Amino acid sequence: MTFINNLSSLRNLDLSNNPLSGPFPAQGLAHLKNIEKLDLSYTGLDGTPNIQACKSLSRLERLESKVLSNNNFNKSIISCLSSLPSLKILDLSYSVSLGESFPGQGMFIFKDSSFNILKY
C-alpha cells in the first residue's frame, strides 16, 4: 500500500471491499499521521505484522475508529493494535481466529479499555 505514503493529511480512509490481501499493512498505515477513521473491512487481509511494524502504529495518535471486520487475523492482532494511543472503537468482527477462547486479558493492554469495542 505504498500509494498512501504521501497522504499524511488524510483524516478518513475507507478501503473496504477492495482486494488488498496479504498481511496487515502497519508500516504503510503509519504514514497517515492525521488519520481519525480507518475502514479496512472485507479486504482479504490476513496475518499479523512483525513487532517492529506494530510499533510503527504508535504514530497514529489521532486514530479513534478502526474497522477490520471480515478479514483473517489471528488473536495476536490485538496486541499489535495496542500501540494505538487514541483508539476508541475497534471492530474485528468475523476477522479473528480465537481458537478455543477469547483473549480477554489481551484487551487490558489498551489504555482506556472502557471505550474500546471489540466485536467477535
PDB file of N, CA and C in Angstrom:
ATOM      1  N   MET A   1       0.818  -1.185   0.000  1.00  0.00           N
ATOM      2  CA  MET A   1       0.000   0.000   0.000  1.00  0.00           C
ATOM      3  C   MET A   1       0.869   1.259   0.000  1.00  0.00           C
ATOM      4  N   THR A   2       1.866   1.286  -0.837  1.00  0.00           N
ATOM      5  CA  THR A   2       2.772   2.428  -0.888  1.00  0.00           C
ATOM      6  C   THR A   2       2.090   3.694  -1.388  1.00  0.00           C
ATOM      7  N   PHE A   3       0.951   3.570  -2.032  1.00  0.00           N
ATOM      8  CA  PHE A   3       0.256   4.741  -2.558  1.00  0.00           C
ATOM      9  C   PHE A   3      -0.197   5.698  -1.454  1.00  0.00           C
ATOM     10  N   ILE A   4      -0.292   5.254  -0.205  1.00  0.00           N
ATOM     11  CA  ILE A   4      -0.759   6.123   0.874  1.00  0.00           C
ATOM     12  C   ILE A   4       0.364   6.894   1.552  1.00  0.00           C
ATOM     13  N   ASN A   5       1.604   6.645   1.178  1.00  0.00           N
ATOM     14  CA  ASN A   5       2.728   7.314   1.826  1.00  0.00           C
ATOM     15  C   ASN A   5       2.669   8.832   1.743  1.00  0.00           C
ATOM     16  N   ASN A   6       2.067   9.394   0.719  1.00  0.00           N
ATOM     17  CA  ASN A   6       2.015  10.840   0.535  1.00  0.00           C
ATOM     18  C   ASN A   6       0.689  11.451   0.972  1.00  0.00           C
ATOM     19  N   LEU A   7      -0.099  10.720   1.723  1.00  0.00           N
ATOM     20  CA  LEU A   7      -1.420  11.200   2.143  1.00  0.00           C
ATOM     21  C   LEU A   7      -1.444  11.517   3.638  1.00  0.00           C
ATOM     22  N   SER A   8      -0.420  12.159   4.146  1.00  0.00           N
ATOM     23  CA  SER A   8      -0.293  12.374   5.588  1.00  0.00           C
ATOM     24  C   SER A   8      -1.376  13.284   6.169  1.00  0.00           C
ATOM     25  N   SER A   9      -2.060  14.083   5.349  1.00  0.00           N
ATOM     26  CA  SER A   9      -3.121  14.971   5.838  1.00  0.00           C
ATOM     27  C   SER A   9      -4.490  14.292   5.871  1.00  0.00           C
ATOM     28  N   LEU A  10      -4.586  13.106   5.351  1.00  0.00           N
ATOM     29  CA  LEU A  10      -5.856  12.390   5.260  1.00  0.00           C
ATOM     30  C   LEU A  10      -6.424  12.105   6.649  1.00  0.00           C
ATOM     31  N   ARG A  11      -7.739  12.354   6.831  1.00  0.00           N
ATOM     32  CA  ARG A  11      -8.378  12.113   8.125  1.00  0.00           C
ATOM     33  C   ARG A  11      -9.265  10.870   8.131  1.00  0.00           C
ATOM     34  N   ASN A  12      -9.871  10.550   7.008  1.00  0.00           N
ATOM     35  CA  ASN A  12     -10.732   9.374   6.904  1.00  0.00           C
ATOM     36  C   ASN A  12     -10.325   8.563   5.686  1.00  0.00           C
ATOM     37  N   LEU A  13     -10.200   7.247   5.875  1.00  0.00           N
ATOM     38  CA  LEU A  13      -9.844   6.374   4.766  1.00  0.00           C
ATOM     39  C   LEU A  13     -10.713   5.129   4.822  1.00  0.00           C
ATOM     40  N   ASP A  14     -11.447   4.894   3.752  1.00  0.00           N
ATOM     41  CA  ASP A  14     -12.300   3.722   3.650  1.00  0.00           C
ATOM     42  C   ASP A  14     -11.861   2.921   2.420  1.00  0.00           C
ATOM     43  N   LEU A  15     -11.167   1.825   2.659  1.00  0.00           N
ATOM     44  CA  LEU A  15     -10.735   0.928   1.592  1.00  0.00           C
ATOM     45  C   LEU A  15     -11.503  -0.388   1.650  1.00  0.00           C
ATOM     46  N   SER A  16     -12.645  -0.371   2.320  1.00  0.00           N
ATOM     47  CA  SER A  16     -13.426  -1.599   2.475  1.00  0.00           C
ATOM     48  C   SER A  16     -13.843  -2.148   1.115  1.00  0.00           C
ATOM     49  N   ASN A  17     -13.980  -3.460   1.068  1.00  0.00           N
ATOM     50  CA  ASN A  17     -14.404  -4.182  -0.134  1.00  0.00           C
ATOM     51  C   ASN A  17     -13.446  -4.039  -1.307  1.00  0.00           C
ATOM     52  N   ASN A  18     -12.191  -3.800  -1.031  1.00  0.00           N
ATOM     53  CA  ASN A  18     -11.150  -3.766  -2.064  1.00  0.00           C
ATOM     54  C   ASN A  18     -10.224  -4.954  -1.856  1.00  0.00           C
ATOM     55  N   PRO A  19      -9.796  -5.605  -2.907  1.00  0.00           N
ATOM     56  CA  PRO A  19      -8.949  -6.806  -2.772  1.00  0.00           C
ATOM     57  C   PRO A  19      -7.490  -6.455  -2.464  1.00  0.00           C
ATOM     58  N   LEU A  20      -7.213  -6.090  -1.207  1.00  0.00           N
ATOM     59  CA  LEU A  20      -5.840  -5.749  -0.819  1.00  0.00           C
ATOM     60  C   LEU A  20      -5.027  -7.007  -0.552  1.00  0.00           C
ATOM     61  N   SER A  21      -5.572  -7.933   0.170  1.00  0.00           N
ATOM     62  CA  SER A  21      -4.961  -9.203   0.575  1.00  0.00           C
ATOM     63  C   SER A  21      -3.566  -9.021   1.166  1.00  0.00           C
ATOM     64  N   GLY A  22      -3.068 -10.068   1.782  1.00  0.00           N
ATOM     65  CA  GLY A  22      -1.746 -10.042   2.388  1.00  0.00           C
ATOM     66  C   GLY A  22      -1.794  -9.645   3.844  1.00  0.00           C
ATOM     67  N   PRO A  23      -0.629  -9.431   4.447  1.00  0.00           N
ATOM     68  CA  PRO A  23      -0.576  -9.106   5.876  1.00  0.00           C
ATOM     69  C   PRO A  23      -1.086  -7.697   6.160  1.00  0.00           C
ATOM     70  N   PHE A  24      -1.433  -7.471   7.405  1.00  0.00           N
ATOM     71  CA  PHE A  24      -1.897  -6.165   7.850  1.00  0.00           C
ATOM     72  C   PHE A  24      -0.814  -5.124   7.565  1.00  0.00           C
ATOM     73  N   PRO A  25      -1.124  -4.022   6.839  1.00  0.00           N
ATOM     74  CA  PRO A  25      -0.108  -3.064   6.370  1.00  0.00           C
ATOM     75  C   PRO A  25       0.263  -2.001   7.402  1.00  0.00           C
ATOM     76  N   ALA A  26       0.786  -2.409   8.535  1.00  0.00           N
ATOM     77  CA  ALA A  26       1.079  -1.481   9.628  1.00  0.00           C
ATOM     78  C   ALA A  26       2.058  -0.382   9.223  1.00  0.00           C
ATOM     79  N   GLN A  27       3.156  -0.729   8.592  1.00  0.00           N
ATOM     80  CA  GLN A  27       4.151   0.280   8.253  1.00  0.00           C
ATOM     81  C   GLN A  27       3.626   1.279   7.231  1.00  0.00           C
ATOM     82  N   GLY A  28       2.843   0.829   6.286  1.00  0.00           N
ATOM     83  CA  GLY A  28       2.255   1.743   5.316  1.00  0.00           C
ATOM     84  C   GLY A  28       1.259   2.691   5.959  1.00  0.00           C
ATOM     85  N   LEU A  29       0.462   2.169   6.876  1.00  0.00           N
ATOM     86  CA  LEU A  29      -0.537   2.991   7.550  1.00  0.00           C
ATOM     87  C   LEU A  29       0.097   4.009   8.487  1.00  0.00           C
ATOM     88  N   ALA A  30       1.282   3.733   8.990  1.00  0.00           N
ATOM     89  CA  ALA A  30       1.958   4.618   9.942  1.00  0.00           C
ATOM     90  C   ALA A  30       2.248   5.995   9.343  1.00  0.00           C
ATOM     91  N   HIS A  31       2.213   6.131   8.028  1.00  0.00           N
ATOM     92  CA  HIS A  31       2.441   7.418   7.377  1.00  0.00           C
ATOM     93  C   HIS A  31       1.218   8.335   7.462  1.00  0.00           C
ATOM     94  N   LEU A  32       0.083   7.791   7.835  1.00  0.00           N
ATOM     95  CA  LEU A  32      -1.161   8.565   7.903  1.00  0.00           C
ATOM     96  C   LEU A  32      -1.303   9.213   9.284  1.00  0.00           C
ATOM     97  N   LYS A  33      -0.466  10.163   9.577  1.00  0.00           N
ATOM     98  CA  LYS A  33      -0.366  10.731  10.925  1.00  0.00           C
ATOM     99  C   LYS A  33      -1.619  11.451  11.408  1.00  0.00           C
ATOM    100  N   ASN A  34      -2.467  11.901  10.507  1.00  0.00           N
ATOM    101  CA  ASN A  34      -3.675  12.624  10.902  1.00  0.00           C
ATOM    102  C   ASN A  34      -4.950  11.795  10.772  1.00  0.00           C
ATOM    103  N   ILE A  35      -4.813  10.528  10.486  1.00  0.00           N
ATOM    104  CA  ILE A  35      -5.977   9.670  10.272  1.00  0.00           C
ATOM    105  C   ILE A  35      -6.787   9.535  11.565  1.00  0.00           C
ATOM    106  N   GLU A  36      -8.110   9.649  11.440  1.00  0.00           N
ATOM    107  CA  GLU A  36      -9.007   9.511  12.585  1.00  0.00           C
ATOM    108  C   GLU A  36      -9.894   8.279  12.454  1.00  0.00           C
ATOM    109  N   LYS A  37     -10.286   7.961  11.226  1.00  0.00           N
ATOM    110  CA  LYS A  37     -11.156   6.804  10.987  1.00  0.00           C
ATOM    111  C   LYS A  37     -10.582   5.989   9.838  1.00  0.00           C
ATOM    112  N   LEU A  38     -10.512   4.693  10.052  1.00  0.00           N
ATOM    113  CA  LEU A  38      -9.933   3.794   9.064  1.00  0.00           C
ATOM    114  C   LEU A  38     -10.809   2.557   8.942  1.00  0.00           C
ATOM    115  N   ASP A  39     -11.211   2.237   7.719  1.00  0.00           N
ATOM    116  CA  ASP A  39     -12.030   1.051   7.467  1.00  0.00           C
ATOM    117  C   ASP A  39     -11.319   0.176   6.436  1.00  0.00           C
ATOM    118  N   LEU A  40     -10.875  -0.983   6.891  1.00  0.00           N
ATOM    119  CA  LEU A  40     -10.230  -1.967   6.024  1.00  0.00           C
ATOM    120  C   LEU A  40     -11.011  -3.276   6.042  1.00  0.00           C
ATOM    121  N   SER A  41     -12.331  -3.182   6.193  1.00  0.00           N
ATOM    122  CA  SER A  41     -13.156  -4.385   6.250  1.00  0.00           C
ATOM    123  C   SER A  41     -13.302  -5.004   4.865  1.00  0.00           C
ATOM    124  N   TYR A  42     -13.485  -6.304   4.844  1.00  0.00           N
ATOM    125  CA  TYR A  42     -13.675  -7.074   3.601  1.00  0.00           C
ATOM    126  C   TYR A  42     -12.551  -6.840   2.583  1.00  0.00           C
ATOM    127  N   THR A  43     -11.319  -6.813   3.040  1.00  0.00           N
ATOM    128  CA  THR A  43     -10.205  -6.553   2.120  1.00  0.00           C
ATOM    129  C   THR A  43      -9.334  -7.781   1.866  1.00  0.00           C
ATOM    130  N   GLY A  44      -9.559  -8.845   2.604  1.00  0.00           N
ATOM    131  CA  GLY A  44      -8.763 -10.050   2.407  1.00  0.00           C
ATOM    132  C   GLY A  44      -7.434 -10.019   3.131  1.00  0.00           C
ATOM    133  N   LEU A  45      -7.270  -9.092   4.085  1.00  0.00           N
ATOM    134  CA  LEU A  45      -6.028  -9.040   4.854  1.00  0.00           C
ATOM    135  C   LEU A  45      -5.938 -10.256   5.761  1.00  0.00           C
ATOM    136  N   ASP A  46      -4.740 -10.718   5.986  1.00  0.00           N
ATOM    137  CA  ASP A  46      -4.534 -11.846   6.894  1.00  0.00           C
ATOM    138  C   ASP A  46      -3.169 -11.727   7.547  1.00  0.00           C
ATOM    139  N   GLY A  47      -2.975 -12.493   8.582  1.00  0.00           N
ATOM    140  CA  GLY A  47      -1.701 -12.475   9.287  1.00  0.00           C
ATOM    141  C   GLY A  47      -1.545 -11.238  10.149  1.00  0.00           C
ATOM    142  N   THR A  48      -0.486 -11.219  10.909  1.00  0.00           N
ATOM    143  CA  THR A  48      -0.175 -10.107  11.793  1.00  0.00           C
ATOM    144  C   THR A  48       1.244  -9.652  11.493  1.00  0.00           C
ATOM    145  N   PRO A  49       1.474  -8.346  11.421  1.00  0.00           N
ATOM    146  CA  PRO A  49       2.825  -7.863  11.117  1.00  0.00           C
ATOM    147  C   PRO A  49       3.800  -8.155  12.251  1.00  0.00           C
ATOM    148  N   ASN A  50       5.087  -7.990  11.964  1.00  0.00           N
ATOM    149  CA  ASN A  50       6.105  -8.218  12.987  1.00  0.00           C
ATOM    150  C   ASN A  50       6.048  -7.119  14.042  1.00  0.00           C
ATOM    151  N   ILE A  51       6.799  -7.297  15.122  1.00  0.00           N
ATOM    152  CA  ILE A  51       6.759  -6.375  16.254  1.00  0.00           C
ATOM    153  C   ILE A  51       7.152  -4.963  15.848  1.00  0.00           C
ATOM    154  N   GLN A  52       8.182  -4.827  15.044  1.00  0.00           N
ATOM    155  CA  GLN A  52       8.634  -3.502  14.610  1.00  0.00           C
ATOM    156  C   GLN A  52       7.536  -2.776  13.831  1.00  0.00           C
ATOM    157  N   ALA A  53       6.880  -3.478  12.947  1.00  0.00           N
ATOM    158  CA  ALA A  53       5.787  -2.874  12.175  1.00  0.00           C
ATOM    159  C   ALA A  53       4.638  -2.473  13.095  1.00  0.00           C
ATOM    160  N   CYS A  54       4.330  -3.301  14.078  1.00  0.00           N
ATOM    161  CA  CYS A  54       3.272  -2.973  15.030  1.00  0.00           C
ATOM    162  C   CYS A  54       3.615  -1.708  15.813  1.00  0.00           C
ATOM    163  N   LYS A  55       4.849  -1.562  16.213  1.00  0.00           N
ATOM    164  CA  LYS A  55       5.268  -0.377  16.964  1.00  0.00           C
ATOM    165  C   LYS A  55       5.130   0.892  16.134  1.00  0.00           C
ATOM    166  N   SER A  56       5.246   0.774  14.834  1.00  0.00           N
ATOM    167  CA  SER A  56       5.117   1.955  13.975  1.00  0.00           C
ATOM    168  C   SER A  56       3.710   2.543  14.033  1.00  0.00           C
ATOM    169  N   LEU A  57       2.738   1.763  14.455  1.00  0.00           N
ATOM    170  CA  LEU A  57       1.360   2.259  14.557  1.00  0.00           C
ATOM    171  C   LEU A  57       1.210   3.327  15.639  1.00  0.00           C
ATOM    172  N   SER A  58       2.145   3.420  16.557  1.00  0.00           N
ATOM    173  CA  SER A  58       2.048   4.427  17.617  1.00  0.00           C
ATOM    174  C   SER A  58       2.081   5.844  17.053  1.00  0.00           C
ATOM    175  N   ARG A  59       2.502   6.009  15.808  1.00  0.00           N
ATOM    176  CA  ARG A  59       2.488   7.327  15.154  1.00  0.00           C
ATOM    177  C   ARG A  59       1.073   7.805  14.858  1.00  0.00           C
ATOM    178  N   LEU A  60       0.122   6.900  14.866  1.00  0.00           N
ATOM    179  CA  LEU A  60      -1.269   7.248  14.545  1.00  0.00           C
ATOM    180  C   LEU A  60      -1.963   7.775  15.798  1.00  0.00           C
ATOM    181  N   GLU A  61      -1.546   8.931  16.239  1.00  0.00           N
ATOM    182  CA  GLU A  61      -2.011   9.487  17.505  1.00  0.00           C
ATOM    183  C   GLU A  61      -3.466   9.928  17.493  1.00  0.00           C
ATOM    184  N   ARG A  62      -4.050  10.128  16.329  1.00  0.00           N
ATOM    185  CA  ARG A  62      -5.426  10.617  16.247  1.00  0.00           C
ATOM    186  C   ARG A  62      -6.443   9.548  15.873  1.00  0.00           C
ATOM    187  N   LEU A  63      -5.981   8.353  15.571  1.00  0.00           N
ATOM    188  CA  LEU A  63      -6.898   7.302  15.119  1.00  0.00           C
ATOM    189  C   LEU A  63      -7.825   6.878  16.251  1.00  0.00           C
ATOM    190  N   GLU A  64      -9.130   7.090  16.045  1.00  0.00           N
ATOM    191  CA  GLU A  64     -10.129   6.757  17.051  1.00  0.00           C
ATOM    192  C   GLU A  64     -10.969   5.554  16.680  1.00  0.00           C
ATOM    193  N   SER A  65     -11.138   5.315  15.390  1.00  0.00           N
ATOM    194  CA  SER A  65     -12.019   4.244  14.941  1.00  0.00           C
ATOM    195  C   SER A  65     -11.326   3.397  13.883  1.00  0.00           C
ATOM    196  N   LYS A  66     -11.313   2.100  14.132  1.00  0.00           N
ATOM    197  CA  LYS A  66     -10.668   1.186  13.194  1.00  0.00           C
ATOM    198  C   LYS A  66     -11.592   0.007  12.962  1.00  0.00           C
ATOM    199  N   VAL A  67     -11.946  -0.216  11.698  1.00  0.00           N
ATOM    200  CA  VAL A  67     -12.815  -1.327  11.334  1.00  0.00           C
ATOM    201  C   VAL A  67     -11.992  -2.299  10.498  1.00  0.00           C
ATOM    202  N   LEU A  68     -11.840  -3.501  11.006  1.00  0.00           N
ATOM    203  CA  LEU A  68     -11.077  -4.551  10.331  1.00  0.00           C
ATOM    204  C   LEU A  68     -11.921  -5.802  10.160  1.00  0.00           C
ATOM    205  N   SER A  69     -13.226  -5.651  10.144  1.00  0.00           N
ATOM    206  CA  SER A  69     -14.114  -6.815  10.099  1.00  0.00           C
ATOM    207  C   SER A  69     -13.970  -7.607   8.805  1.00  0.00           C
ATOM    208  N   ASN A  70     -14.310  -8.872   8.911  1.00  0.00           N
ATOM    209  CA  ASN A  70     -14.337  -9.795   7.780  1.00  0.00           C
ATOM    210  C   ASN A  70     -12.993  -9.912   7.057  1.00  0.00           C
ATOM    211  N   ASN A  71     -11.952 -10.084   7.825  1.00  0.00           N
ATOM    212  CA  ASN A  71     -10.627 -10.393   7.310  1.00  0.00           C
ATOM    213  C   ASN A  71     -10.195 -11.701   7.961  1.00  0.00           C
ATOM    214  N   ASN A  72      -8.922 -11.986   8.004  1.00  0.00           N
ATOM    215  CA  ASN A  72      -8.473 -13.260   8.556  1.00  0.00           C
ATOM    216  C   ASN A  72      -7.220 -13.071   9.398  1.00  0.00           C
ATOM    217  N   PHE A  73      -7.392 -12.570  10.628  1.00  0.00           N
ATOM    218  CA  PHE A  73      -6.270 -12.343  11.527  1.00  0.00           C
ATOM    219  C   PHE A  73      -6.245 -13.415  12.607  1.00  0.00           C
ATOM    220  N   ASN A  74      -5.109 -13.552  13.273  1.00  0.00           N
ATOM    221  CA  ASN A  74      -5.083 -14.378  14.473  1.00  0.00           C
ATOM    222  C   ASN A  74      -5.155 -13.441  15.674  1.00  0.00           C
ATOM    223  N   LYS A  75      -5.272 -13.988  16.865  1.00  0.00           N
ATOM    224  CA  LYS A  75      -5.514 -13.141  18.029  1.00  0.00           C
ATOM    225  C   LYS A  75      -4.334 -12.234  18.386  1.00  0.00           C
ATOM    226  N   SER A  76      -3.176 -12.424  17.811  1.00  0.00           N
ATOM    227  CA  SER A  76      -2.050 -11.533  18.102  1.00  0.00           C
ATOM    228  C   SER A  76      -2.242 -10.144  17.497  1.00  0.00           C
ATOM    229  N   ILE A  77      -3.233  -9.973  16.619  1.00  0.00           N
ATOM    230  CA  ILE A  77      -3.527  -8.643  16.069  1.00  0.00           C
ATOM    231  C   ILE A  77      -3.936  -7.698  17.190  1.00  0.00           C
ATOM    232  N   ILE A  78      -4.520  -8.215  18.262  1.00  0.00           N
ATOM    233  CA  ILE A  78      -4.956  -7.376  19.377  1.00  0.00           C
ATOM    234  C   ILE A  78      -3.765  -6.696  20.030  1.00  0.00           C
ATOM    235  N   SER A  79      -2.688  -7.421  20.294  1.00  0.00           N
ATOM    236  CA  SER A  79      -1.506  -6.792  20.892  1.00  0.00           C
ATOM    237  C   SER A  79      -0.845  -5.835  19.908  1.00  0.00           C
ATOM    238  N   CYS A  80      -0.924  -6.123  18.623  1.00  0.00           N
ATOM    239  CA  CYS A  80      -0.371  -5.210  17.617  1.00  0.00           C
ATOM    240  C   CYS A  80      -1.113  -3.881  17.648  1.00  0.00           C
ATOM    241  N   LEU A  81      -2.415  -3.915  17.775  1.00  0.00           N
ATOM    242  CA  LEU A  81      -3.216  -2.696  17.768  1.00  0.00           C
ATOM    243  C   LEU A  81      -3.137  -1.935  19.086  1.00  0.00           C
ATOM    244  N   SER A  82      -2.526  -2.516  20.090  1.00  0.00           N
ATOM    245  CA  SER A  82      -2.451  -1.864  21.402  1.00  0.00           C
ATOM    246  C   SER A  82      -1.600  -0.602  21.392  1.00  0.00           C
ATOM    247  N   SER A  83      -0.790  -0.402  20.375  1.00  0.00           N
ATOM    248  CA  SER A  83       0.049   0.792  20.327  1.00  0.00           C
ATOM    249  C   SER A  83      -0.700   2.012  19.784  1.00  0.00           C
ATOM    250  N   LEU A  84      -1.981   1.864  19.507  1.00  0.00           N
ATOM    251  CA  LEU A  84      -2.784   2.984  19.017  1.00  0.00           C
ATOM    252  C   LEU A  84      -3.279   3.792  20.217  1.00  0.00           C
ATOM    253  N   PRO A  85      -2.713   4.980  20.451  1.00  0.00           N
ATOM    254  CA  PRO A  85      -2.975   5.706  21.687  1.00  0.00           C
ATOM    255  C   PRO A  85      -4.386   6.264  21.849  1.00  0.00           C
ATOM    256  N   SER A  86      -5.103   6.568  20.780  1.00  0.00           N
ATOM    257  CA  SER A  86      -6.424   7.205  20.884  1.00  0.00           C
ATOM    258  C   SER A  86      -7.576   6.303  20.459  1.00  0.00           C
ATOM    259  N   LEU A  87      -7.302   5.034  20.236  1.00  0.00           N
ATOM    260  CA  LEU A  87      -8.324   4.129  19.715  1.00  0.00           C
ATOM    261  C   LEU A  87      -9.489   3.996  20.692  1.00  0.00           C
ATOM    262  N   LYS A  88     -10.700   4.251  20.187  1.00  0.00           N
ATOM    263  CA  LYS A  88     -11.907   4.128  20.994  1.00  0.00           C
ATOM    264  C   LYS A  88     -12.841   3.062  20.450  1.00  0.00           C
ATOM    265  N   ILE A  89     -12.812   2.847  19.152  1.00  0.00           N
ATOM    266  CA  ILE A  89     -13.694   1.857  18.528  1.00  0.00           C
ATOM    267  C   ILE A  89     -12.844   0.898  17.703  1.00  0.00           C
ATOM    268  N   LEU A  90     -12.989  -0.370  17.981  1.00  0.00           N
ATOM    269  CA  LEU A  90     -12.275  -1.409  17.257  1.00  0.00           C
ATOM    270  C   LEU A  90     -13.262  -2.499  16.880  1.00  0.00           C
ATOM    271  N   ASP A  91     -13.385  -2.742  15.593  1.00  0.00           N
ATOM    272  CA  ASP A  91     -14.299  -3.783  15.120  1.00  0.00           C
ATOM    273  C   ASP A  91     -13.470  -4.854  14.411  1.00  0.00           C
ATOM    274  N   LEU A  92     -13.377  -5.993  15.035  1.00  0.00           N
ATOM    275  CA  LEU A  92     -12.684  -7.153  14.472  1.00  0.00           C
ATOM    276  C   LEU A  92     -13.672  -8.274  14.201  1.00  0.00           C
ATOM    277  N   SER A  93     -14.939  -7.936  14.038  1.00  0.00           N
ATOM    278  CA  SER A  93     -15.948  -8.974  13.854  1.00  0.00           C
ATOM    279  C   SER A  93     -15.650  -9.820  12.628  1.00  0.00           C
ATOM    280  N   TYR A  94     -15.794 -11.112  12.804  1.00  0.00           N
ATOM    281  CA  TYR A  94     -15.557 -12.105  11.751  1.00  0.00           C
ATOM    282  C   TYR A  94     -14.160 -12.002  11.157  1.00  0.00           C
ATOM    283  N   SER A  95     -13.194 -11.585  11.973  1.00  0.00           N
ATOM    284  CA  SER A  95     -11.827 -11.408  11.480  1.00  0.00           C
ATOM    285  C   SER A  95     -10.777 -12.172  12.256  1.00  0.00           C
ATOM    286  N   VAL A  96     -11.063 -12.499  13.489  1.00  0.00           N
ATOM    287  CA  VAL A  96     -10.034 -13.060  14.346  1.00  0.00           C
ATOM    288  C   VAL A  96     -10.331 -14.511  14.663  1.00  0.00           C
ATOM    289  N   SER A  97      -9.368 -15.356  14.364  1.00  0.00           N
ATOM    290  CA  SER A  97      -9.468 -16.755  14.745  1.00  0.00           C
ATOM    291  C   SER A  97      -8.971 -16.869  16.178  1.00  0.00           C
ATOM    292  N   LEU A  98      -9.907 -17.064  17.104  1.00  0.00           N
ATOM    293  CA  LEU A  98      -9.559 -17.071  18.524  1.00  0.00           C
ATOM    294  C   LEU A  98      -9.241 -18.453  19.056  1.00  0.00           C
ATOM    295  N   GLY A  99      -9.482 -19.457  18.282  1.00  0.00           N
ATOM    296  CA  GLY A  99      -9.284 -20.797  18.811  1.00  0.00           C
ATOM    297  C   GLY A  99     -10.370 -21.098  19.809  1.00  0.00           C
ATOM    298  N   GLU A 100      -9.989 -21.588  20.960  1.00  0.00           N
ATOM    299  CA  GLU A 100     -10.974 -22.004  21.955  1.00  0.00           C
ATOM    300  C   GLU A 100     -11.434 -20.887  22.878  1.00  0.00           C
ATOM    301  N   SER A 101     -10.658 -19.808  23.019  1.00  0.00           N
ATOM    302  CA  SER A 101     -11.041 -18.797  23.996  1.00  0.00           C
ATOM    303  C   SER A 101     -10.785 -17.389  23.488  1.00  0.00           C
ATOM    304  N   PHE A 102     -11.540 -16.473  24.051  1.00  0.00           N
ATOM    305  CA  PHE A 102     -11.366 -15.060  23.744  1.00  0.00           C
ATOM    306  C   PHE A 102     -10.210 -14.526  24.583  1.00  0.00           C
ATOM    307  N   PRO A 103      -9.280 -13.772  23.984  1.00  0.00           N
ATOM    308  CA  PRO A 103      -8.114 -13.283  24.742  1.00  0.00           C
ATOM    309  C   PRO A 103      -8.451 -12.042  25.559  1.00  0.00           C
ATOM    310  N   GLY A 104      -9.344 -12.169  26.527  1.00  0.00           N
ATOM    311  CA  GLY A 104      -9.773 -11.043  27.342  1.00  0.00           C
ATOM    312  C   GLY A 104      -8.633 -10.312  28.004  1.00  0.00           C
ATOM    313  N   GLN A 105      -7.640 -11.058  28.480  1.00  0.00           N
ATOM    314  CA  GLN A 105      -6.509 -10.398  29.121  1.00  0.00           C
ATOM    315  C   GLN A 105      -5.758  -9.520  28.132  1.00  0.00           C
ATOM    316  N   GLY A 106      -5.816  -9.828  26.872  1.00  0.00           N
ATOM    317  CA  GLY A 106      -5.174  -9.000  25.861  1.00  0.00           C
ATOM    318  C   GLY A 106      -5.820  -7.646  25.711  1.00  0.00           C
ATOM    319  N   MET A 107      -7.085  -7.532  26.086  1.00  0.00           N
ATOM    320  CA  MET A 107      -7.787  -6.255  25.966  1.00  0.00           C
ATOM    321  C   MET A 107      -7.321  -5.246  27.007  1.00  0.00           C
ATOM    322  N   PHE A 108      -6.722  -5.701  28.101  1.00  0.00           N
ATOM    323  CA  PHE A 108      -6.278  -4.777  29.142  1.00  0.00           C
ATOM    324  C   PHE A 108      -5.080  -3.941  28.713  1.00  0.00           C
ATOM    325  N   ILE A 109      -4.454  -4.300  27.612  1.00  0.00           N
ATOM    326  CA  ILE A 109      -3.300  -3.541  27.155  1.00  0.00           C
ATOM    327  C   ILE A 109      -3.708  -2.221  26.520  1.00  0.00           C
ATOM    328  N   PHE A 110      -4.996  -2.026  26.228  1.00  0.00           N
ATOM    329  CA  PHE A 110      -5.462  -0.755  25.708  1.00  0.00           C
ATOM    330  C   PHE A 110      -5.543   0.235  26.860  1.00  0.00           C
ATOM    331  N   LYS A 111      -5.137   1.459  26.603  1.00  0.00           N
ATOM    332  CA  LYS A 111      -5.038   2.453  27.661  1.00  0.00           C
ATOM    333  C   LYS A 111      -6.374   2.809  28.281  1.00  0.00           C
ATOM    334  N   ASP A 112      -7.423   2.876  27.508  1.00  0.00           N
ATOM    335  CA  ASP A 112      -8.740   3.243  28.025  1.00  0.00           C
ATOM    336  C   ASP A 112      -9.739   2.185  27.582  1.00  0.00           C
ATOM    337  N   SER A 113      -9.660   1.028  28.203  1.00  0.00           N
ATOM    338  CA  SER A 113     -10.441  -0.115  27.749  1.00  0.00           C
ATOM    339  C   SER A 113     -11.940   0.102  27.860  1.00  0.00           C
ATOM    340  N   SER A 114     -12.373   1.081  28.650  1.00  0.00           N
ATOM    341  CA  SER A 114     -13.802   1.318  28.770  1.00  0.00           C
ATOM    342  C   SER A 114     -14.404   1.890  27.488  1.00  0.00           C
ATOM    343  N   PHE A 115     -13.567   2.400  26.596  1.00  0.00           N
ATOM    344  CA  PHE A 115     -14.070   2.962  25.362  1.00  0.00           C
ATOM    345  C   PHE A 115     -13.827   2.061  24.151  1.00  0.00           C
ATOM    346  N   ASN A 116     -13.213   0.939  24.350  1.00  0.00           N
ATOM    347  CA  ASN A 116     -12.934   0.036  23.239  1.00  0.00           C
ATOM    348  C   ASN A 116     -14.094  -0.897  23.018  1.00  0.00           C
ATOM    349  N   ILE A 117     -14.436  -1.083  21.761  1.00  0.00           N
ATOM    350  CA  ILE A 117     -15.488  -2.022  21.398  1.00  0.00           C
ATOM    351  C   ILE A 117     -14.841  -3.117  20.571  1.00  0.00           C
ATOM    352  N   LEU A 118     -14.983  -4.335  20.975  1.00  0.00           N
ATOM    353  CA  LEU A 118     -14.465  -5.445  20.214  1.00  0.00           C
ATOM    354  C   LEU A 118     -15.614  -6.370  19.903  1.00  0.00           C
ATOM    355  N   LYS A 119     -15.911  -6.514  18.663  1.00  0.00           N
ATOM    356  CA  LYS A 119     -16.967  -7.437  18.244  1.00  0.00           C
ATOM    357  C   LYS A 119     -16.294  -8.703  17.739  1.00  0.00           C
ATOM    358  N   TYR A 120     -16.819  -9.847  18.088  1.00  0.00           N
ATOM    359  CA  TYR A 120     -16.232 -11.088  17.585  1.00  0.00           C
ATOM    360  C   TYR A 120     -17.292 -12.089  17.256  1.00  0.00           C
TER     361      TYR A 120
END
